[in-house]
Each structure stands twice: as structure tokens, then as C-alpha cells.
C-alpha atoms as a PDB file:
ATOM      1  CA  MET A   1     -70.783 157.601  61.913  1.00  0.00           C
ATOM      2  CA  ARG A   2     -72.567 158.341  65.164  1.00  0.00           C
ATOM      3  CA  SER A   3     -75.030 161.191  65.502  1.00  0.00           C
ATOM      4  CA  MET A   4     -74.206 164.386  67.335  1.00  0.00           C
ATOM      5  CA  PRO A   5     -74.905 164.178  71.100  1.00  0.00           C
ATOM      6  CA  ASP A   6     -77.511 166.364  72.788  1.00  0.00           C
ATOM      7  CA  VAL A   7     -75.505 169.559  72.451  1.00  0.00           C
ATOM      8  CA  ALA A   8     -77.967 171.810  74.320  1.00  0.00           C
ATOM      9  CA  ALA A   9     -77.803 169.653  77.451  1.00  0.00           C
ATOM     10  CA  GLU A  10     -74.026 169.507  77.265  1.00  0.00           C
ATOM     11  CA  GLN A  11     -73.731 173.277  76.766  1.00  0.00           C
ATOM     12  CA  ASP A  12     -75.871 173.782  79.875  1.00  0.00           C
ATOM     13  CA  TYR A  13     -73.588 171.411  81.790  1.00  0.00           C
ATOM     14  CA  ILE A  14     -70.521 173.308  80.541  1.00  0.00           C
ATOM     15  CA  SER A  15     -71.898 176.731  81.427  1.00  0.00           C
ATOM     16  CA  LYS A  16     -72.261 175.522  85.012  1.00  0.00           C
ATOM     17  CA  ASN A  17     -68.768 174.004  85.166  1.00  0.00           C
ATOM     18  CA  ALA A  18     -66.342 175.742  82.779  1.00  0.00           C
ATOM     19  CA  ASP A  19     -66.079 178.437  80.149  1.00  0.00           C
ATOM     20  CA  LEU A  20     -64.633 176.776  77.055  1.00  0.00           C
ATOM     21  CA  ARG A  21     -64.971 179.995  75.017  1.00  0.00           C
ATOM     22  CA  LYS A  22     -61.602 181.078  76.416  1.00  0.00           C
ATOM     23  CA  ALA A  23     -59.880 177.765  75.663  1.00  0.00           C
ATOM     24  CA  ALA A  24     -57.806 176.789  72.624  1.00  0.00           C
ATOM     25  CA  ILE A  25     -57.657 173.159  71.565  1.00  0.00           C
ATOM     26  CA  LEU A  26     -55.613 171.175  69.046  1.00  0.00           C
ATOM     27  CA  ILE A  27     -57.048 167.934  67.663  1.00  0.00           C
ATOM     28  CA  VAL A  28     -54.609 165.511  66.003  1.00  0.00           C
ATOM     29  CA  ASP A  29     -56.123 162.562  64.137  1.00  0.00           C
ATOM     30  CA  ALA A  30     -55.053 160.792  60.942  1.00  0.00           C
ATOM     31  CA  ASP A  31     -58.648 159.752  60.192  1.00  0.00           C
ATOM     32  CA  ARG A  32     -60.239 162.657  58.298  1.00  0.00           C
ATOM     33  CA  ASP A  33     -63.804 161.733  59.332  1.00  0.00           C
ATOM     34  CA  ALA A  34     -62.823 161.478  63.002  1.00  0.00           C
ATOM     35  CA  LEU A  35     -60.997 164.815  62.770  1.00  0.00           C
ATOM     36  CA  VAL A  36     -64.076 166.511  61.283  1.00  0.00           C
ATOM     37  CA  PHE A  37     -66.304 164.878  63.919  1.00  0.00           C
ATOM     38  CA  MET A  38     -64.114 165.987  66.849  1.00  0.00           C
ATOM     39  CA  THR A  39     -63.783 169.471  65.382  1.00  0.00           C
ATOM     40  CA  SER A  40     -67.567 169.803  65.117  1.00  0.00           C
ATOM     41  CA  ILE A  41     -67.989 168.594  68.706  1.00  0.00           C
ATOM     42  CA  CYS A  42     -65.489 171.208  69.918  1.00  0.00           C
ATOM     43  CA  ARG A  43     -67.166 173.888  67.822  1.00  0.00           C
ATOM     44  CA  ASN A  44     -70.567 173.001  69.324  1.00  0.00           C
ATOM     45  CA  LEU A  45     -69.042 173.086  72.793  1.00  0.00           C
ATOM     46  CA  ARG A  46     -67.939 176.623  71.913  1.00  0.00           C
ATOM     47  CA  PHE A  47     -64.185 176.326  72.266  1.00  0.00           C
ATOM     48  CA  GLY A  48     -62.628 179.727  71.635  1.00  0.00           C
ATOM     49  CA  ALA A  49     -60.048 178.459  69.146  1.00  0.00           C
ATOM     50  CA  ILE A  50     -59.936 175.077  67.440  1.00  0.00           C
ATOM     51  CA  PHE A  51     -56.899 173.850  65.525  1.00  0.00           C
ATOM     52  CA  SER A  52     -56.606 170.525  63.731  1.00  0.00           C
ATOM     53  CA  ALA A  53     -53.791 168.452  62.278  1.00  0.00           C
ATOM     54  CA  SER A  54     -53.816 165.169  60.399  1.00  0.00           C
ATOM     55  CA  ASP A  55     -50.262 164.160  61.372  1.00  0.00           C
ATOM     56  CA  THR A  56     -47.591 164.864  63.977  1.00  0.00           C
ATOM     57  CA  THR A  57     -45.486 167.022  61.657  1.00  0.00           C
ATOM     58  CA  GLU A  58     -48.381 169.435  61.141  1.00  0.00           C
ATOM     59  CA  ALA A  59     -49.210 169.247  64.869  1.00  0.00           C
ATOM     60  CA  PHE A  60     -45.696 170.314  65.901  1.00  0.00           C
ATOM     61  CA  LYS A  61     -45.971 173.361  63.622  1.00  0.00           C
ATOM     62  CA  ILE A  62     -49.197 174.407  65.352  1.00  0.00           C
ATOM     63  CA  LEU A  63     -47.749 173.631  68.794  1.00  0.00           C
ATOM     64  CA  GLY A  64     -44.818 175.906  68.014  1.00  0.00           C
ATOM     65  CA  ARG A  65     -46.891 178.941  67.075  1.00  0.00           C
ATOM     66  CA  GLU A  66     -50.212 178.817  68.993  1.00  0.00           C
ATOM     67  CA  LYS A  67     -50.972 179.082  72.727  1.00  0.00           C
ATOM     68  CA  LEU A  68     -53.025 175.976  73.537  1.00  0.00           C
ATOM     69  CA  ASP A  69     -55.021 174.870  76.565  1.00  0.00           C
ATOM     70  CA  ILE A  70     -55.708 171.248  75.565  1.00  0.00           C
ATOM     71  CA  LEU A  71     -54.279 168.780  73.047  1.00  0.00           C
ATOM     72  CA  ILE A  72     -56.301 165.765  71.914  1.00  0.00           C
ATOM     73  CA  CYS A  73     -54.576 163.097  69.873  1.00  0.00           C
ATOM     74  CA  ASP A  74     -55.643 159.762  68.493  1.00  0.00           C
ATOM     75  CA  CYS A  75     -53.510 156.661  69.039  1.00  0.00           C
ATOM     76  CA  GLY A  76     -53.299 156.097  65.267  1.00  0.00           C
ATOM     77  CA  ILE A  77     -51.434 159.290  64.392  1.00  0.00           C
ATOM     78  CA  ARG A  78     -48.278 159.240  62.238  1.00  0.00           C
ATOM     79  CA  PRO A  79     -45.416 159.598  61.393  1.00  0.00           C
ATOM     80  CA  LEU A  80     -44.663 159.454  65.134  1.00  0.00           C
ATOM     81  CA  ARG A  81     -46.704 157.083  67.258  1.00  0.00           C
ATOM     82  CA  CYS A  82     -48.881 158.907  69.763  1.00  0.00           C
ATOM     83  CA  VAL A  83     -46.693 157.960  72.736  1.00  0.00           C
ATOM     84  CA  GLU A  84     -43.516 159.095  70.943  1.00  0.00           C
ATOM     85  CA  PHE A  85     -45.240 162.323  69.905  1.00  0.00           C
ATOM     86  CA  VAL A  86     -46.186 163.119  73.516  1.00  0.00           C
ATOM     87  CA  LYS A  87     -42.705 162.201  74.821  1.00  0.00           C
ATOM     88  CA  ARG A  88     -41.055 164.481  72.267  1.00  0.00           C
ATOM     89  CA  LEU A  89     -43.457 167.303  73.120  1.00  0.00           C
ATOM     90  CA  ARG A  90     -42.875 166.919  76.868  1.00  0.00           C
ATOM     91  CA  LEU A  91     -39.084 166.902  76.476  1.00  0.00           C
ATOM     92  CA  SER A  92     -39.065 169.909  74.131  1.00  0.00           C
ATOM     93  CA  ALA A  93     -38.054 172.741  76.463  1.00  0.00           C
ATOM     94  CA  GLU A  94     -38.219 175.305  73.646  1.00  0.00           C
ATOM     95  CA  ASN A  95     -41.832 174.454  72.728  1.00  0.00           C
ATOM     96  CA  PRO A  96     -44.207 176.878  74.488  1.00  0.00           C
ATOM     97  CA  ASN A  97     -46.805 174.093  74.773  1.00  0.00           C
ATOM     98  CA  SER A  98     -44.590 171.385  76.283  1.00  0.00           C
ATOM     99  CA  ALA A  99     -46.781 171.323  79.399  1.00  0.00           C
ATOM    100  CA  VAL A 100     -50.175 171.496  77.658  1.00  0.00           C
ATOM    101  CA  PRO A 101     -52.645 168.916  79.004  1.00  0.00           C
ATOM    102  CA  VAL A 102     -52.864 165.937  76.615  1.00  0.00           C
ATOM    103  CA  VAL A 103     -55.894 163.677  76.138  1.00  0.00           C
ATOM    104  CA  VAL A 104     -55.395 160.487  74.126  1.00  0.00           C
ATOM    105  CA  LEU A 105     -58.304 158.883  72.287  1.00  0.00           C
ATOM    106  CA  ALA A 106     -58.019 155.179  71.539  1.00  0.00           C
ATOM    107  CA  SER A 107     -60.178 152.497  69.976  1.00  0.00           C
ATOM    108  CA  LYS A 108     -58.954 150.025  72.561  1.00  0.00           C
ATOM    109  CA  GLY A 109     -56.750 150.265  75.559  1.00  0.00           C
ATOM    110  CA  GLY A 110     -55.671 147.721  78.069  1.00  0.00           C
ATOM    111  CA  ALA A 111     -53.696 148.411  81.207  1.00  0.00           C
ATOM    112  CA  ASP A 112     -50.401 148.289  79.268  1.00  0.00           C
ATOM    113  CA  ALA A 113     -51.513 150.942  76.763  1.00  0.00           C
ATOM    114  CA  VAL A 114     -52.783 153.234  79.515  1.00  0.00           C
ATOM    115  CA  ALA A 115     -49.557 152.794  81.523  1.00  0.00           C
ATOM    116  CA  GLU A 116     -47.416 153.512  78.440  1.00  0.00           C
ATOM    117  CA  ALA A 117     -49.405 156.690  77.733  1.00  0.00           C
ATOM    118  CA  ARG A 118     -49.215 157.783  81.377  1.00  0.00           C
ATOM    119  CA  ASP A 119     -45.457 157.227  81.422  1.00  0.00           C
ATOM    120  CA  ALA A 120     -45.117 159.327  78.251  1.00  0.00           C
ATOM    121  CA  GLY A 121     -46.800 162.273  80.003  1.00  0.00           C
ATOM    122  CA  VAL A 122     -50.445 161.943  78.941  1.00  0.00           C
ATOM    123  CA  ASP A 123     -52.989 163.589  81.260  1.00  0.00           C
ATOM    124  CA  ASP A 124     -56.030 161.515  80.306  1.00  0.00           C
ATOM    125  CA  PHE A 125     -56.832 158.420  78.238  1.00  0.00           C
ATOM    126  CA  ILE A 126     -60.317 157.985  76.743  1.00  0.00           C
ATOM    127  CA  ILE A 127     -61.476 154.852  74.955  1.00  0.00           C
ATOM    128  CA  ARG A 128     -63.869 155.128  72.035  1.00  0.00           C
ATOM    129  CA  PRO A 129     -66.747 155.213  71.414  1.00  0.00           C
ATOM    130  CA  LEU A 130     -66.790 158.717  72.842  1.00  0.00           C
ATOM    131  CA  VAL A 131     -69.165 159.396  75.680  1.00  0.00           C
ATOM    132  CA  MET A 132     -69.762 163.129  75.606  1.00  0.00           C
ATOM    133  CA  ARG A 133     -69.992 163.532  79.375  1.00  0.00           C
ATOM    134  CA  ARG A 134     -66.665 161.694  79.848  1.00  0.00           C
ATOM    135  CA  LEU A 135     -64.997 163.972  77.311  1.00  0.00           C
ATOM    136  CA  LEU A 136     -66.527 167.065  78.915  1.00  0.00           C
ATOM    137  CA  ASN A 137     -65.439 165.985  82.381  1.00  0.00           C
ATOM    138  CA  ALA A 138     -61.893 165.546  81.084  1.00  0.00           C
ATOM    139  CA  PHE A 139     -61.928 169.054  79.532  1.00  0.00           C
ATOM    140  CA  ILE A 140     -63.393 170.635  82.664  1.00  0.00           C
ATOM    141  CA  SER A 141     -60.982 168.838  84.976  1.00  0.00           C
ATOM    142  CA  LEU A 142     -57.940 169.745  82.880  1.00  0.00           C
ATOM    143  CA  LEU A 143     -58.937 173.407  82.638  1.00  0.00           C
ATOM    144  CA  SER A 144     -60.255 174.004  86.159  1.00  0.00           C
ATOM    145  CA  THR A 145     -57.849 171.900  88.229  1.00  0.00           C
ATOM    146  CA  PRO A 146     -54.577 171.571  86.326  1.00  0.00           C
ATOM    147  CA  ARG A 147     -52.052 169.186  87.788  1.00  0.00           C
ATOM    148  CA  THR A 148     -48.529 170.217  88.692  1.00  0.00           C
ATOM    149  CA  PHE A 149     -46.062 169.624  85.863  1.00  0.00           C
ATOM    150  CA  VAL A 150     -43.029 167.560  86.854  1.00  0.00           C
ATOM    151  CA  ARG A 151     -39.591 167.619  85.220  1.00  0.00           C
ATOM    152  CA  SER A 152     -37.175 165.058  86.588  1.00  0.00           C
ATOM    153  CA  GLY A 153     -34.406 162.835  85.273  1.00  0.00           C
ATOM    154  CA  SER A 154     -36.742 159.931  84.521  1.00  0.00           C
ATOM    155  CA  TYR A 155     -40.118 161.588  83.883  1.00  0.00           C
ATOM    156  CA  THR A 156     -41.544 164.740  82.352  1.00  0.00           C
ATOM    157  CA  GLY A 157     -45.287 165.304  82.472  1.00  0.00           C
ATOM    158  CA  PRO A 158     -48.222 165.944  84.765  1.00  0.00           C
ATOM    159  CA  CYS A 159     -47.957 164.796  88.355  1.00  0.00           C
ATOM    160  CA  ARG A 160     -49.385 161.289  88.389  1.00  0.00           C
ATOM    161  CA  ARG A 161     -51.135 161.836  91.705  1.00  0.00           C
ATOM    162  CA  ARG A 162     -54.765 162.734  91.132  1.00  0.00           C
ATOM    163  CA  ARG A 163     -55.784 162.787  94.767  1.00  0.00           C
ATOM    164  CA  ASN A 164     -54.537 164.833  97.686  1.00  0.00           C
ATOM    165  CA  ILE A 165     -53.322 162.299 100.203  1.00  0.00           C
ATOM    166  CA  THR A 166     -52.270 163.171 103.716  1.00  0.00           C
ATOM    167  CA  LEU A 167     -48.756 161.852 104.074  1.00  0.00           C
ATOM    168  CA  THR A 168     -47.727 160.148 107.273  1.00  0.00           C
ATOM    169  CA  GLN A 169     -44.046 160.446 106.395  1.00  0.00           C
ATOM    170  CA  PRO A 170     -41.992 163.418 105.184  1.00  0.00           C
ATOM    171  CA  GLU A 171     -42.248 164.377 101.492  1.00  0.00           C
ATOM    172  CA  ARG A 172     -39.436 162.723  99.509  1.00  0.00           C
ATOM    173  CA  ARG A 173     -39.821 164.476  96.185  1.00  0.00           C
ATOM    174  CA  LEU A 174     -37.543 167.389  95.483  1.00  0.00           C
ATOM    175  CA  ALA A 175     -39.352 170.701  95.101  1.00  0.00           C
ATOM    176  CA  LYS A 176     -37.070 171.735  92.204  1.00  0.00           C
ATOM    177  CA  ASP A 177     -38.486 168.849  90.117  1.00  0.00           C
ATOM    178  CA  GLU A 178     -41.930 170.419  90.095  1.00  0.00           C
ATOM    179  CA  VAL A 179     -42.871 173.512  88.169  1.00  0.00           C
ATOM    180  CA  PRO A 180     -46.367 174.950  87.915  1.00  0.00           C
ATOM    181  CA  ARG A 181     -47.990 174.863  84.484  1.00  0.00           C
END
């Protein structure tokens, strides 16, 4: 197992960019060692509330009762595959966390895996080994500049546009398809 990153430097970086003490996070990972490792990272980053689950059944219970700011899940979770888990969460209108930002951690990920996750409604996709600054930037971005949440006939999840682009033609999306998070 890898050693803990330079936590003091990362905490200094966080204090200048975001206050994670107010944020609640759920970590879902079937690998017990990875779950403990991610939990300790989040604890050292001073997340306000940290929840963990070793499978999707346990995760849905937590998602149904806790107010979360970020969800991290590993690609190897069960009984639902990660992509199916995120799709079910996004389509669950009665779940209070259906629009929570989702970060997927994967051991490998080609363009097809990233596209499948994006189409399921994932906000960010990070390939292991974890680089602390990449993880922190994802947390800070998700908390400080949340993307619009879109509900349409064919897609439910964060707006896929990450950049503000000046349109040269009229907007074609329907405003009723977008709801703020």
C-alpha cells in the first residue's frame, strides 16, 4: 500500500481553495483496504462527515438518509456495477441525493470506459494510482463550481459541458430540461 501523501501541503492548498469541513462524502469500495485508505485521506483532508460502504446495497441506504456533497465509487463495486449504480441513483427521483456529484475511481480506463461513465451521469473519472492533487482538484471543482443538473428523456446527470462557450447560433436545449443542483 502506498504511503500517505504530504497532508500538510495539501491542507494548505485546500484552505486556500475550499472548506471541506462543511462537506459530507460517501466512499463506496468493495476492497476493504482501499476503503480504509480513502477514508483516512478524507479524514486528513478534514471532510466534515465521512460515510463508507462496501457495496451498492449499503450505499443506497446511506444515500437515502444522509445529505451528501460528494460520492466516490470504485469501478469494482457490487452487486450493481458502478455504471448501473450511478444510473439508478440518477434516475431515482425520490432519492434526495440523486444529483450529488459522483467521482469514479478506476484501475484502468480507456475512452470507452470514460464515455460509459459520463453517459451514466458521472461527474469525474480518476484513474489510479491516486494523485492527491488531482483528487483535491476534483473535490474543489465539484464543490465550488457545481455543474447544472440535466433531466431529459435520454440523459440524467451533470451537464456535460465543462466550458462556457459563446454560441453563434440560438440555444437549442429546452430550459425545462435543466434544473439547478
